[in-house]
Amino acid sequence: MQQQILIFLLRLGSYLKPLVSSLASNKSDALSLHRNAVYGVFDGAYH
């Protein structure tokens, strides 16, 4: 029984790893988009 739980956790980990990494990369993309938008607003305000 304990071995099944271990296998389940390992499988879960292998499913979650790409999900987490894709979320992390999406987060950085969203951050850079947000930053660009903020700079764009400031650019528009100053020019």
PDB file of N, CA and C in Angstrom:
ATOM      1  N   MET A   1       0.833  -1.205   0.000  1.00  0.00           N
ATOM      2  CA  MET A   1       0.000   0.000   0.000  1.00  0.00           C
ATOM      3  C   MET A   1       0.871   1.260   0.000  1.00  0.00           C
ATOM      4  N   GLN A   2       1.913   1.236   0.827  1.00  0.00           N
ATOM      5  CA  GLN A   2       2.780   2.406   0.911  1.00  0.00           C
ATOM      6  C   GLN A   2       3.504   2.650  -0.407  1.00  0.00           C
ATOM      7  N   GLN A   3       3.847   1.563  -1.093  1.00  0.00           N
ATOM      8  CA  GLN A   3       4.546   1.690  -2.373  1.00  0.00           C
ATOM      9  C   GLN A   3       3.631   2.342  -3.418  1.00  0.00           C
ATOM     10  N   GLN A   4       2.350   2.012  -3.367  1.00  0.00           N
ATOM     11  CA  GLN A   4       1.398   2.618  -4.304  1.00  0.00           C
ATOM     12  C   GLN A   4       1.320   4.127  -4.087  1.00  0.00           C
ATOM     13  N   ILE A   5       1.311   4.541  -2.824  1.00  0.00           N
ATOM     14  CA  ILE A   5       1.261   5.970  -2.503  1.00  0.00           C
ATOM     15  C   ILE A   5       2.507   6.666  -3.027  1.00  0.00           C
ATOM     16  N   LEU A   6       3.656   6.010  -2.856  1.00  0.00           N
ATOM     17  CA  LEU A   6       4.920   6.564  -3.343  1.00  0.00           C
ATOM     18  C   LEU A   6       4.888   6.741  -4.853  1.00  0.00           C
ATOM     19  N   ILE A   7       4.428   5.711  -5.553  1.00  0.00           N
ATOM     20  CA  ILE A   7       4.339   5.770  -7.018  1.00  0.00           C
ATOM     21  C   ILE A   7       3.381   6.883  -7.435  1.00  0.00           C
ATOM     22  N   PHE A   8       2.265   6.992  -6.709  1.00  0.00           N
ATOM     23  CA  PHE A   8       1.284   8.035  -7.003  1.00  0.00           C
ATOM     24  C   PHE A   8       1.908   9.423  -6.844  1.00  0.00           C
ATOM     25  N   LEU A   9       2.663   9.613  -5.755  1.00  0.00           N
ATOM     26  CA  LEU A   9       3.300  10.905  -5.511  1.00  0.00           C
ATOM     27  C   LEU A   9       4.337  11.225  -6.579  1.00  0.00           C
ATOM     28  N   LEU A  10       5.101  10.214  -6.981  1.00  0.00           N
ATOM     29  CA  LEU A  10       6.105  10.421  -8.028  1.00  0.00           C
ATOM     30  C   LEU A  10       5.435  10.815  -9.337  1.00  0.00           C
ATOM     31  N   ARG A  11       4.341  10.130  -9.642  1.00  0.00           N
ATOM     32  CA  ARG A  11       3.609  10.422 -10.879  1.00  0.00           C
ATOM     33  C   ARG A  11       3.032  11.835 -10.824  1.00  0.00           C
ATOM     34  N   LEU A  12       2.479  12.178  -9.668  1.00  0.00           N
ATOM     35  CA  LEU A  12       1.910  13.506  -9.467  1.00  0.00           C
ATOM     36  C   LEU A  12       2.988  14.570  -9.648  1.00  0.00           C
ATOM     37  N   GLY A  13       4.170  14.292  -9.082  1.00  0.00           N
ATOM     38  CA  GLY A  13       5.285  15.226  -9.219  1.00  0.00           C
ATOM     39  C   GLY A  13       5.681  15.426 -10.670  1.00  0.00           C
ATOM     40  N   SER A  14       5.697  14.338 -11.436  1.00  0.00           N
ATOM     41  CA  SER A  14       6.097  14.445 -12.842  1.00  0.00           C
ATOM     42  C   SER A  14       5.029  15.173 -13.655  1.00  0.00           C
ATOM     43  N   TYR A  15       3.774  15.113 -13.206  1.00  0.00           N
ATOM     44  CA  TYR A  15       2.719  15.882 -13.882  1.00  0.00           C
ATOM     45  C   TYR A  15       2.817  17.359 -13.514  1.00  0.00           C
ATOM     46  N   LEU A  16       3.120  17.623 -12.243  1.00  0.00           N
ATOM     47  CA  LEU A  16       3.104  18.997 -11.756  1.00  0.00           C
ATOM     48  C   LEU A  16       4.308  19.804 -12.224  1.00  0.00           C
ATOM     49  N   LYS A  17       5.442  19.132 -12.425  1.00  0.00           N
ATOM     50  CA  LYS A  17       6.667  19.862 -12.765  1.00  0.00           C
ATOM     51  C   LYS A  17       6.516  20.708 -14.027  1.00  0.00           C
ATOM     52  N   PRO A  18       6.055  20.141 -15.169  1.00  0.00           N
ATOM     53  CA  PRO A  18       5.896  20.974 -16.364  1.00  0.00           C
ATOM     54  C   PRO A  18       4.834  22.054 -16.180  1.00  0.00           C
ATOM     55  N   LEU A  19       3.799  21.729 -15.398  1.00  0.00           N
ATOM     56  CA  LEU A  19       2.738  22.698 -15.135  1.00  0.00           C
ATOM     57  C   LEU A  19       3.302  23.902 -14.392  1.00  0.00           C
ATOM     58  N   VAL A  20       4.083  23.612 -13.346  1.00  0.00           N
ATOM     59  CA  VAL A  20       4.674  24.681 -12.541  1.00  0.00           C
ATOM     60  C   VAL A  20       5.648  25.508 -13.371  1.00  0.00           C
ATOM     61  N   SER A  21       6.458  24.834 -14.183  1.00  0.00           N
ATOM     62  CA  SER A  21       7.444  25.571 -14.983  1.00  0.00           C
ATOM     63  C   SER A  21       6.745  26.430 -16.037  1.00  0.00           C
ATOM     64  N   SER A  22       5.652  25.924 -16.608  1.00  0.00           N
ATOM     65  CA  SER A  22       4.922  26.721 -17.600  1.00  0.00           C
ATOM     66  C   SER A  22       4.239  27.909 -16.920  1.00  0.00           C
ATOM     67  N   LEU A  23       3.740  27.682 -15.697  1.00  0.00           N
ATOM     68  CA  LEU A  23       3.135  28.779 -14.942  1.00  0.00           C
ATOM     69  C   LEU A  23       4.176  29.840 -14.628  1.00  0.00           C
ATOM     70  N   ALA A  24       5.369  29.391 -14.250  1.00  0.00           N
ATOM     71  CA  ALA A  24       6.437  30.332 -13.906  1.00  0.00           C
ATOM     72  C   ALA A  24       6.830  31.159 -15.123  1.00  0.00           C
ATOM     73  N   SER A  25       6.939  30.515 -16.288  1.00  0.00           N
ATOM     74  CA  SER A  25       7.327  31.256 -17.488  1.00  0.00           C
ATOM     75  C   SER A  25       6.199  32.198 -17.911  1.00  0.00           C
ATOM     76  N   ASN A  26       4.947  31.760 -17.740  1.00  0.00           N
ATOM     77  CA  ASN A  26       3.815  32.633 -18.066  1.00  0.00           C
ATOM     78  C   ASN A  26       3.796  33.841 -17.142  1.00  0.00           C
ATOM     79  N   LYS A  27       4.158  33.596 -15.872  1.00  0.00           N
ATOM     80  CA  LYS A  27       4.168  34.673 -14.895  1.00  0.00           C
ATOM     81  C   LYS A  27       5.185  35.735 -15.296  1.00  0.00           C
ATOM     82  N   SER A  28       6.373  35.301 -15.697  1.00  0.00           N
ATOM     83  CA  SER A  28       7.399  36.265 -16.089  1.00  0.00           C
ATOM     84  C   SER A  28       6.973  36.994 -17.367  1.00  0.00           C
ATOM     85  N   ASP A  29       6.316  36.279 -18.281  1.00  0.00           N
ATOM     86  CA  ASP A  29       5.800  36.923 -19.489  1.00  0.00           C
ATOM     87  C   ASP A  29       4.774  37.992 -19.121  1.00  0.00           C
ATOM     88  N   ALA A  30       3.871  37.648 -18.214  1.00  0.00           N
ATOM     89  CA  ALA A  30       2.836  38.584 -17.793  1.00  0.00           C
ATOM     90  C   ALA A  30       3.469  39.797 -17.119  1.00  0.00           C
ATOM     91  N   LEU A  31       4.510  39.542 -16.322  1.00  0.00           N
ATOM     92  CA  LEU A  31       5.193  40.644 -15.643  1.00  0.00           C
ATOM     93  C   LEU A  31       5.835  41.588 -16.645  1.00  0.00           C
ATOM     94  N   SER A  32       6.497  41.033 -17.659  1.00  0.00           N
ATOM     95  CA  SER A  32       7.157  41.887 -18.648  1.00  0.00           C
ATOM     96  C   SER A  32       6.108  42.647 -19.462  1.00  0.00           C
ATOM     97  N   LEU A  33       4.987  42.001 -19.765  1.00  0.00           N
ATOM     98  CA  LEU A  33       3.904  42.679 -20.486  1.00  0.00           C
ATOM     99  C   LEU A  33       3.373  43.836 -19.654  1.00  0.00           C
ATOM    100  N   HIS A  34       3.176  43.588 -18.369  1.00  0.00           N
ATOM    101  CA  HIS A  34       2.667  44.603 -17.455  1.00  0.00           C
ATOM    102  C   HIS A  34       3.638  45.776 -17.380  1.00  0.00           C
ATOM    103  N   ARG A  35       4.923  45.445 -17.283  1.00  0.00           N
ATOM    104  CA  ARG A  35       5.956  46.481 -17.201  1.00  0.00           C
ATOM    105  C   ARG A  35       5.956  47.330 -18.469  1.00  0.00           C
ATOM    106  N   ASN A  36       5.851  46.674 -19.614  1.00  0.00           N
ATOM    107  CA  ASN A  36       5.821  47.397 -20.891  1.00  0.00           C
ATOM    108  C   ASN A  36       4.605  48.311 -20.959  1.00  0.00           C
ATOM    109  N   ALA A  37       3.472  47.820 -20.469  1.00  0.00           N
ATOM    110  CA  ALA A  37       2.254  48.621 -20.481  1.00  0.00           C
ATOM    111  C   ALA A  37       2.421  49.850 -19.600  1.00  0.00           C
ATOM    112  N   VAL A  38       3.017  49.659 -18.427  1.00  0.00           N
ATOM    113  CA  VAL A  38       3.240  50.783 -17.509  1.00  0.00           C
ATOM    114  C   VAL A  38       4.175  51.805 -18.140  1.00  0.00           C
ATOM    115  N   TYR A  39       5.264  51.335 -18.754  1.00  0.00           N
ATOM    116  CA  TYR A  39       6.197  52.245 -19.423  1.00  0.00           C
ATOM    117  C   TYR A  39       5.498  52.977 -20.564  1.00  0.00           C
ATOM    118  N   GLY A  40       4.640  52.259 -21.281  1.00  0.00           N
ATOM    119  CA  GLY A  40       3.910  52.877 -22.376  1.00  0.00           C
ATOM    120  C   GLY A  40       3.025  54.007 -21.882  1.00  0.00           C
ATOM    121  N   VAL A  41       2.369  53.790 -20.746  1.00  0.00           N
ATOM    122  CA  VAL A  41       1.501  54.816 -20.167  1.00  0.00           C
ATOM    123  C   VAL A  41       2.329  56.033 -19.771  1.00  0.00           C
ATOM    124  N   PHE A  42       3.477  55.800 -19.124  1.00  0.00           N
ATOM    125  CA  PHE A  42       4.337  56.918 -18.727  1.00  0.00           C
ATOM    126  C   PHE A  42       4.868  57.661 -19.949  1.00  0.00           C
ATOM    127  N   ASP A  43       5.243  56.895 -20.982  1.00  0.00           N
ATOM    128  CA  ASP A  43       5.711  57.506 -22.231  1.00  0.00           C
ATOM    129  C   ASP A  43       4.631  58.423 -22.797  1.00  0.00           C
ATOM    130  N   GLY A  44       3.393  57.914 -22.821  1.00  0.00           N
ATOM    131  CA  GLY A  44       2.284  58.693 -23.355  1.00  0.00           C
ATOM    132  C   GLY A  44       2.038  59.945 -22.530  1.00  0.00           C
ATOM    133  N   ALA A  45       2.234  59.850 -21.222  1.00  0.00           N
ATOM    134  CA  ALA A  45       1.985  60.988 -20.339  1.00  0.00           C
ATOM    135  C   ALA A  45       3.049  62.063 -20.511  1.00  0.00           C
ATOM    136  N   TYR A  46       4.286  61.667 -20.780  1.00  0.00           N
ATOM    137  CA  TYR A  46       5.382  62.633 -20.853  1.00  0.00           C
ATOM    138  C   TYR A  46       5.550  63.252 -22.227  1.00  0.00           C
ATOM    139  N   HIS A  47       5.049  62.599 -23.282  1.00  0.00           N
ATOM    140  CA  HIS A  47       5.266  63.130 -24.637  1.00  0.00           C
ATOM    141  C   HIS A  47       4.030  63.839 -25.160  1.00  0.00           C
TER     142      HIS A  47
END
